[in-house]
Amino acid sequence: MFTILLKKVNGNAYQRYFKSFDNAKKVMDEEVSRWISEGAEPLMKIDRMNIEKGFYEYEANLKLIEDGKTYNVSFALLDGYFQDED
């Protein structure tokens, strides 16, 4: 299993893959903090175990207005696995 850090900026998706959930979480937290320090407004953050669905949810949504343009930015950590593993 591995962790996918998914970042979407105005609908354009970027993915990075990590062996360690803790490393992915650290990188995501650093990026969210950087966006906020550059003026982004935090809209929502989820940090919980979803018992009904059986997985951990870690997400953040931000909005940045710069030079009259609005940037909607979302981050999420997703579980990944190789389907063809024995």
Protein backbone atom coordinates (compact mmCIF):
# COMPACT_ATOMS: atom_id res chain seq x y z
CA MET A 1 0.00 0.00 0.00
CA PHE A 2 1.07 3.61 -0.57
CA THR A 3 -0.37 7.10 -0.10
CA ILE A 4 -1.31 9.46 -2.91
CA LEU A 5 -1.16 13.21 -2.28
CA LEU A 6 -3.76 14.69 -4.62
CA LYS A 7 -3.72 18.44 -5.23
CA LYS A 8 -6.27 20.15 -7.46
CA VAL A 9 -5.92 23.76 -8.57
CA ASN A 10 -9.01 25.01 -10.41
CA GLY A 11 -9.78 21.44 -11.45
CA ASN A 12 -6.27 20.54 -12.68
CA ALA A 13 -5.09 17.50 -10.72
CA TYR A 14 -1.54 16.75 -9.61
CA GLN A 15 -0.59 13.51 -7.86
CA ARG A 16 2.47 12.48 -5.89
CA TYR A 17 3.08 9.04 -4.41
CA PHE A 18 4.57 8.29 -0.99
CA LYS A 19 5.55 5.05 0.74
CA SER A 20 4.80 6.67 4.10
CA PHE A 21 1.45 8.20 5.10
CA ASP A 22 3.29 10.34 7.67
CA ASN A 23 5.60 11.81 5.01
CA ALA A 24 2.66 12.54 2.70
CA LYS A 25 0.78 14.23 5.55
CA LYS A 26 3.84 16.33 6.45
CA VAL A 27 4.27 17.50 2.84
CA MET A 28 0.56 18.27 2.52
CA ASP A 29 0.55 20.27 5.77
CA GLU A 30 3.60 22.25 4.59
CA GLU A 31 1.95 23.05 1.25
CA VAL A 32 -1.35 24.06 2.85
CA SER A 33 0.55 26.33 5.27
CA ARG A 34 2.49 27.87 2.37
CA TRP A 35 -0.71 28.63 0.45
CA ILE A 36 -2.25 30.20 3.58
CA SER A 37 0.88 32.29 4.20
CA GLU A 38 0.55 33.55 0.62
CA GLY A 39 -3.00 34.73 1.30
CA ALA A 40 -5.23 31.70 0.68
CA GLU A 41 -8.35 31.41 2.81
CA PRO A 42 -8.96 28.04 4.47
CA LEU A 43 -12.47 26.84 3.63
CA MET A 44 -12.58 23.32 5.08
CA LYS A 45 -10.33 20.72 6.68
CA ILE A 46 -11.17 17.10 7.39
CA ASP A 47 -9.03 14.97 9.71
CA ARG A 48 -11.00 11.91 10.83
CA MET A 49 -11.51 8.19 10.60
CA ASN A 50 -14.66 7.50 8.60
CA ILE A 51 -15.94 4.44 10.43
CA GLU A 52 -18.84 3.86 8.02
CA LYS A 53 -16.60 3.80 4.94
CA GLY A 54 -13.64 2.15 6.69
CA PHE A 55 -10.88 4.63 5.81
CA TYR A 56 -9.11 7.70 7.15
CA GLU A 57 -9.98 11.07 5.60
CA TYR A 58 -7.44 13.91 5.46
CA GLU A 59 -8.39 16.83 3.23
CA ALA A 60 -8.14 20.61 2.97
CA ASN A 61 -9.85 23.14 0.69
CA LEU A 62 -8.59 26.68 0.16
CA LYS A 63 -9.48 29.73 -1.92
CA LEU A 64 -7.00 32.35 -3.11
CA ILE A 65 -7.96 35.55 -4.89
CA GLU A 66 -4.96 37.11 -6.61
CA ASP A 67 -4.93 39.81 -9.30
CA GLY A 68 -8.69 39.41 -9.72
CA LYS A 69 -8.42 35.66 -10.33
CA THR A 70 -9.88 33.06 -7.98
CA TYR A 71 -7.93 29.86 -7.35
CA ASN A 72 -9.78 26.95 -5.75
CA VAL A 73 -7.24 24.58 -4.26
CA SER A 74 -7.93 21.21 -2.66
CA PHE A 75 -5.62 18.65 -1.11
CA ALA A 76 -6.39 15.06 -0.13
CA LEU A 77 -4.50 11.98 0.99
CA LEU A 78 -5.72 8.79 -0.65
CA ASP A 79 -4.84 5.14 -0.06
CA GLY A 80 -3.32 3.44 -3.06
CA TYR A 81 -2.45 -0.16 -3.71
CA PHE A 82 -1.32 -2.35 -6.55
CA GLN A 83 -4.22 -4.42 -7.80
CA ASP A 84 -2.09 -7.09 -9.50
CA GLU A 85 0.03 -7.95 -6.44
CA ASP A 86 0.01 -11.56 -5.32
